[in-house]
Amino acid sequence: MLLRHRKRRTGDELSASVSVPVDANSRGLPVFPYELHLEILSYCPSLPVPKIRAEKDYKKSDYRTRYETARSLSQTCSALRAVYLPLAWQDLDLLPGARSNQRNFAIETIARLEMVTVRAPFLAQHVRSVSVVLTNVSPMAVYSEFVEHLLKLPNLHTLQILKIPATATCLDALKDAFEDVTLPSVHTLNIHAYEAHIIMNSFPNLGSLLSPLHLFAFRGSVARSFPTIEDLQFRVNKCYIEFAIQRFPNLRITPWIFFPAAMRNKKYQNPTIQDIKARSFRFSATLANQ
């Protein structure tokens, strides 16, 4: 049997034939443009801002999917960590699970805040919004500590207090916690309490407000403290509308509105100020003809 003569390869040829491992971060997901990473996360359900019907919705939705997805991707490699770690902590949702009791949830709330302000303070700069449900578990201590952690979030621009027990103890605790506290970075406030005015002075640069305010609070603290507010969302009747048009010249839109029966129309689900003015005029004309 004849053996074929095998040509001996030189050292350069041998070196060329050896496959050199390619850097794992030089292709694939780690080199995607930032906009594509945002597009990927957009398919994960997250808590919307502002959240209007809070308790009905957040208990049914898997609002933690976005956080868990971003955190998992941030743990895969250094390139993805630089992208997804800030995105994981961008929205801090402090909401109870379907089976969590109030005491354990209160402890978990403070523990997650401590994560970004005490144990890993480098995360604090990434937090842009905080959504929280406050309970009646040790309100004086818990609310005070909650506000102390908010003060350590330099880039916080949105605060959503989606639920607070309507008891005198809890409301007094909330007022005391925010007393002499200023959060100048907060631009959007969503608080589901008729007594929202008790903490208004802590947000001097407020540009967007969502709250079912009492009439006297709306006429008083809001109009006095925030005359340049641009986005005001509230439950109103005709007198609110006319007052808003007069006192808030920069107001752009008020989509959370209750109109009397004579003004209701499915066509106006998200009315602009022009719509409100027109409908307010028609409503006044209706009353005048009665």
Protein backbone atom coordinates (compact mmCIF):
# COMPACT_ATOMS: atom_id res chain seq x y z
CA MET A 1 0.00 0.00 0.00
CA LEU A 2 1.44 3.31 -1.04
CA LEU A 3 1.41 6.10 1.47
CA ARG A 4 0.97 9.57 0.14
CA HIS A 5 3.75 11.92 0.87
CA ARG A 6 2.48 14.58 3.31
CA LYS A 7 4.00 17.96 2.80
CA ARG A 8 5.48 19.38 5.98
CA ARG A 9 3.98 22.77 6.80
CA THR A 10 6.03 25.66 7.96
CA GLY A 11 5.64 27.38 11.33
CA ASP A 12 3.77 30.32 9.80
CA GLU A 13 1.26 28.01 8.16
CA LEU A 14 0.72 26.15 11.44
CA SER A 15 0.11 29.39 13.28
CA ALA A 16 -2.38 30.52 10.66
CA SER A 17 -4.33 27.27 10.91
CA VAL A 18 -4.87 27.60 14.67
CA SER A 19 -8.21 29.27 15.34
CA VAL A 20 -7.73 32.26 17.59
CA PRO A 21 -10.65 32.71 20.02
CA VAL A 22 -12.70 35.79 19.28
CA ASP A 23 -13.49 38.16 22.13
CA ALA A 24 -16.91 37.17 23.44
CA ASN A 25 -17.96 40.82 23.66
CA SER A 26 -17.01 41.76 20.11
CA ARG A 27 -20.18 40.55 18.43
CA GLY A 28 -23.76 39.58 19.13
CA LEU A 29 -25.93 41.13 21.84
CA PRO A 30 -23.14 43.05 23.64
CA VAL A 31 -22.42 45.20 20.58
CA PHE A 32 -26.05 46.05 19.82
CA PRO A 33 -26.81 49.78 19.71
CA TYR A 34 -28.29 51.16 22.91
CA GLU A 35 -31.61 51.78 21.16
CA LEU A 36 -31.97 48.06 20.41
CA HIS A 37 -31.40 47.20 24.06
CA LEU A 38 -34.22 49.58 24.96
CA GLU A 39 -36.39 47.95 22.30
CA ILE A 40 -35.72 44.52 23.82
CA LEU A 41 -36.75 45.68 27.29
CA SER A 42 -39.84 47.38 25.91
CA TYR A 43 -41.38 43.92 25.40
CA CYS A 44 -41.18 43.27 29.15
CA PRO A 45 -44.23 44.51 31.08
CA SER A 46 -43.47 47.31 33.51
CA LEU A 47 -45.42 49.64 35.73
CA PRO A 48 -46.57 52.65 33.66
CA VAL A 49 -45.99 56.22 34.77
CA PRO A 50 -48.32 57.66 35.81
CA LYS A 51 -50.28 54.74 37.13
CA ILE A 52 -53.90 55.73 37.68
CA ARG A 53 -55.86 52.69 38.84
CA ALA A 54 -53.08 51.40 41.01
CA GLU A 55 -54.33 48.58 43.22
CA LYS A 56 -56.56 47.03 40.57
CA ASP A 57 -53.74 46.73 38.05
CA TYR A 58 -50.43 46.12 39.80
CA LYS A 59 -51.64 43.02 41.63
CA LYS A 60 -52.59 41.40 38.32
CA SER A 61 -49.57 42.38 36.24
CA ASP A 62 -46.09 40.93 36.34
CA TYR A 63 -44.48 44.31 36.85
CA ARG A 64 -41.16 42.81 38.00
CA THR A 65 -40.41 41.21 34.62
CA ARG A 66 -38.50 44.22 33.29
CA TYR A 67 -36.38 44.49 36.44
CA GLU A 68 -35.57 40.78 36.59
CA THR A 69 -34.74 40.61 32.88
CA ALA A 70 -32.42 43.62 33.01
CA ARG A 71 -30.74 42.37 36.19
CA SER A 72 -30.13 38.91 34.69
CA LEU A 73 -28.61 40.38 31.53
CA SER A 74 -26.41 42.68 33.60
CA GLN A 75 -24.86 39.62 35.25
CA THR A 76 -23.76 37.92 32.03
CA CYS A 77 -20.71 40.02 31.05
CA SER A 78 -19.10 43.39 31.67
CA ALA A 79 -20.35 44.87 28.39
CA LEU A 80 -23.99 44.06 29.13
CA ARG A 81 -23.57 45.07 32.75
CA ALA A 82 -22.72 48.62 31.66
CA VAL A 83 -25.98 48.75 29.67
CA TYR A 84 -28.49 46.81 31.77
CA LEU A 85 -27.48 47.59 35.34
CA PRO A 86 -28.67 51.23 35.07
CA LEU A 87 -31.82 50.04 33.28
CA ALA A 88 -32.53 47.47 36.01
CA TRP A 89 -32.60 50.15 38.71
CA GLN A 90 -34.06 52.97 36.64
CA ASP A 91 -37.59 52.32 37.92
CA LEU A 92 -37.73 51.26 41.56
CA ASP A 93 -41.13 49.58 42.05
CA LEU A 94 -41.81 48.92 45.74
CA LEU A 95 -45.06 47.02 45.37
CA PRO A 96 -46.43 43.99 47.24
CA GLY A 97 -46.74 40.58 45.70
CA ALA A 98 -50.03 38.72 45.47
CA ARG A 99 -49.36 36.77 48.68
CA SER A 100 -47.15 39.08 50.71
CA ASN A 101 -48.39 40.31 54.08
CA GLN A 102 -48.04 43.93 55.13
CA ARG A 103 -45.30 43.42 57.69
CA ASN A 104 -43.00 41.47 55.36
CA PHE A 105 -43.69 43.92 52.57
CA ALA A 106 -42.75 46.90 54.77
CA ILE A 107 -39.46 45.19 55.62
CA GLU A 108 -38.80 44.39 51.96
CA THR A 109 -39.51 48.00 50.96
CA ILE A 110 -36.87 49.40 53.30
CA ALA A 111 -34.43 46.63 52.36
CA ARG A 112 -34.65 47.46 48.63
CA LEU A 113 -34.15 51.15 49.34
CA GLU A 114 -31.11 50.33 51.46
CA MET A 115 -29.74 48.33 48.56
CA VAL A 116 -29.43 51.42 46.36
CA THR A 117 -28.56 53.99 49.03
CA VAL A 118 -26.47 52.15 51.65
CA ARG A 119 -25.17 48.76 50.54
CA ALA A 120 -24.57 49.71 46.89
CA PRO A 121 -24.77 53.52 46.81
CA PHE A 122 -23.40 53.66 43.25
CA LEU A 123 -26.86 52.45 42.14
CA ALA A 124 -28.58 55.55 43.55
CA GLN A 125 -27.58 57.68 40.56
CA HIS A 126 -29.47 55.35 38.20
CA VAL A 127 -32.87 55.58 39.93
CA ARG A 128 -35.23 57.83 37.99
CA SER A 129 -38.64 56.88 39.41
CA VAL A 130 -39.96 55.34 42.62
CA SER A 131 -43.41 53.73 42.87
CA VAL A 132 -44.48 52.64 46.34
CA VAL A 133 -47.42 51.30 48.29
CA LEU A 134 -47.38 52.49 51.90
CA THR A 135 -48.91 50.32 54.62
CA ASN A 136 -50.04 50.89 58.21
CA VAL A 137 -47.12 48.91 59.67
CA SER A 138 -45.17 51.27 61.98
CA PRO A 139 -45.97 54.28 59.79
CA MET A 140 -43.98 56.83 61.79
CA ALA A 141 -40.74 54.84 61.50
CA VAL A 142 -41.26 53.38 58.01
CA TYR A 143 -42.42 56.60 56.32
CA SER A 144 -39.59 58.60 57.88
CA GLU A 145 -36.98 56.10 56.72
CA PHE A 146 -38.58 55.97 53.28
CA VAL A 147 -38.18 59.74 52.86
CA GLU A 148 -34.59 59.61 54.13
CA HIS A 149 -33.73 57.19 51.35
CA LEU A 150 -35.49 59.38 48.76
CA LEU A 151 -33.13 62.21 49.70
CA LYS A 152 -30.19 60.01 48.64
CA LEU A 153 -31.48 59.60 45.07
CA PRO A 154 -29.96 62.58 43.19
CA ASN A 155 -31.65 61.92 39.82
CA LEU A 156 -35.15 61.01 41.03
CA HIS A 157 -37.70 62.75 38.80
CA THR A 158 -40.91 60.74 39.40
CA LEU A 159 -42.55 59.69 42.67
CA GLN A 160 -45.70 57.56 42.74
CA ILE A 161 -47.39 56.87 46.08
CA LEU A 162 -49.97 54.45 44.77
CA LYS A 163 -51.67 53.66 48.04
CA ILE A 164 -51.68 54.94 51.61
CA PRO A 165 -54.12 53.95 54.35
CA ALA A 166 -56.65 56.74 54.88
CA THR A 167 -56.19 56.84 58.65
CA ALA A 168 -55.20 59.80 60.77
CA THR A 169 -52.12 57.96 62.04
CA CYS A 170 -50.78 57.22 58.55
CA LEU A 171 -51.56 60.67 57.18
CA ASP A 172 -49.91 62.36 60.16
CA ALA A 173 -46.89 60.11 59.71
CA LEU A 174 -46.69 61.05 56.02
CA LYS A 175 -46.92 64.76 56.82
CA ASP A 176 -44.22 64.50 59.50
CA ALA A 177 -41.94 62.48 57.22
CA PHE A 178 -42.01 65.13 54.48
CA GLU A 179 -41.91 68.12 56.82
CA ASP A 180 -38.88 70.37 56.16
CA VAL A 181 -37.87 68.02 53.32
CA THR A 182 -37.17 69.30 49.81
CA LEU A 183 -36.86 67.11 46.73
CA PRO A 184 -36.00 69.58 43.95
CA SER A 185 -35.27 66.90 41.34
CA VAL A 186 -38.83 65.50 41.38
CA HIS A 187 -40.83 66.76 38.41
CA THR A 188 -43.76 64.29 38.43
CA LEU A 189 -45.86 63.41 41.48
CA ASN A 190 -48.62 60.81 41.47
CA ILE A 191 -50.21 60.36 44.88
CA HIS A 192 -53.46 58.45 45.42
CA ALA A 193 -54.74 60.34 48.43
CA TYR A 194 -57.23 63.15 48.82
CA GLU A 195 -54.86 64.72 51.36
CA ALA A 196 -52.02 65.05 48.84
CA HIS A 197 -51.63 68.73 49.69
CA ILE A 198 -49.91 67.87 52.98
CA ILE A 199 -46.67 67.04 51.16
CA MET A 200 -46.86 69.48 48.22
CA ASN A 201 -44.29 71.92 49.57
CA SER A 202 -41.57 69.26 49.37
CA PHE A 203 -41.60 69.43 45.55
CA PRO A 204 -40.75 73.00 44.49
CA ASN A 205 -40.10 72.11 40.83
CA LEU A 206 -43.22 70.05 40.23
CA GLY A 207 -44.35 70.09 36.60
CA SER A 208 -46.82 67.19 36.55
CA LEU A 209 -49.34 66.28 39.24
CA LEU A 210 -51.88 63.47 39.41
CA SER A 211 -54.08 63.30 42.49
CA PRO A 212 -57.79 63.31 43.46
CA LEU A 213 -57.37 66.56 45.42
CA HIS A 214 -59.94 68.25 47.59
CA LEU A 215 -61.29 71.49 46.16
CA PHE A 216 -59.77 73.70 48.88
CA ALA A 217 -56.35 72.11 48.39
CA PHE A 218 -56.51 72.53 44.65
CA ARG A 219 -57.49 76.18 44.94
CA GLY A 220 -54.96 76.82 47.68
CA SER A 221 -51.67 74.95 47.87
CA VAL A 222 -51.41 73.80 44.24
CA ALA A 223 -52.31 77.13 42.63
CA ARG A 224 -50.15 79.06 45.08
CA SER A 225 -47.06 76.83 44.96
CA PHE A 226 -47.09 75.64 41.33
CA PRO A 227 -48.50 78.37 39.05
CA THR A 228 -46.36 77.18 36.12
CA ILE A 229 -47.44 73.52 36.28
CA GLU A 230 -47.87 72.00 32.82
CA ASP A 231 -49.62 68.66 33.39
CA LEU A 232 -52.41 68.52 35.95
CA GLN A 233 -54.47 65.34 36.18
CA PHE A 234 -57.33 65.25 38.65
CA ARG A 235 -60.99 64.45 39.19
CA VAL A 236 -62.95 67.59 38.52
CA ASN A 237 -66.27 69.18 37.83
CA LYS A 238 -67.05 72.44 36.06
CA CYS A 239 -65.73 74.74 38.79
CA TYR A 240 -62.35 72.97 38.72
CA ILE A 241 -62.07 73.37 34.97
CA GLU A 242 -62.76 77.09 34.96
CA PHE A 243 -60.33 77.64 37.84
CA ALA A 244 -57.60 75.60 36.08
CA ILE A 245 -57.95 77.59 32.87
CA GLN A 246 -57.61 80.87 34.75
CA ARG A 247 -54.79 80.01 37.12
CA PHE A 248 -52.52 77.70 35.09
CA PRO A 249 -51.53 79.42 31.83
CA ASN A 250 -48.96 76.74 30.94
CA LEU A 251 -51.35 73.81 31.40
CA ARG A 252 -51.22 71.51 28.38
CA ILE A 253 -53.55 68.57 29.06
CA THR A 254 -55.72 67.14 31.84
CA PRO A 255 -56.61 63.56 30.85
CA TRP A 256 -58.08 62.32 34.16
CA ILE A 257 -61.29 64.29 34.23
CA PHE A 258 -64.82 63.67 35.46
CA PHE A 259 -67.43 65.82 33.76
CA PRO A 260 -71.04 66.27 34.82
CA ALA A 261 -73.61 64.39 32.76
CA ALA A 262 -74.26 67.35 30.46
CA MET A 263 -70.59 67.42 29.46
CA ARG A 264 -69.86 63.72 29.08
CA ASN A 265 -68.96 62.45 25.64
CA LYS A 266 -66.93 59.40 24.66
CA LYS A 267 -65.30 61.49 21.97
CA TYR A 268 -63.31 63.34 24.66
CA GLN A 269 -61.36 60.64 26.43
CA ASN A 270 -58.15 62.66 26.55
CA PRO A 271 -59.16 66.32 26.15
CA THR A 272 -56.83 69.23 25.55
CA ILE A 273 -57.28 72.62 27.14
CA GLN A 274 -59.06 73.79 23.95
CA ASP A 275 -61.56 70.93 24.35
CA ILE A 276 -62.09 71.82 28.00
CA LYS A 277 -62.70 75.48 27.19
CA ALA A 278 -65.20 74.61 24.47
CA ARG A 279 -67.06 72.10 26.59
CA SER A 280 -67.05 74.39 29.61
CA PHE A 281 -68.64 77.10 27.46
CA ARG A 282 -71.29 74.71 26.13
CA PHE A 283 -72.04 73.48 29.65
CA SER A 284 -72.45 77.07 30.90
CA ALA A 285 -74.81 77.77 27.99
CA THR A 286 -76.82 74.65 28.84
CA LEU A 287 -77.27 75.79 32.43
CA ALA A 288 -78.23 79.31 31.31
CA ASN A 289 -81.03 77.95 29.12
CA GLN A 290 -82.54 75.79 31.83
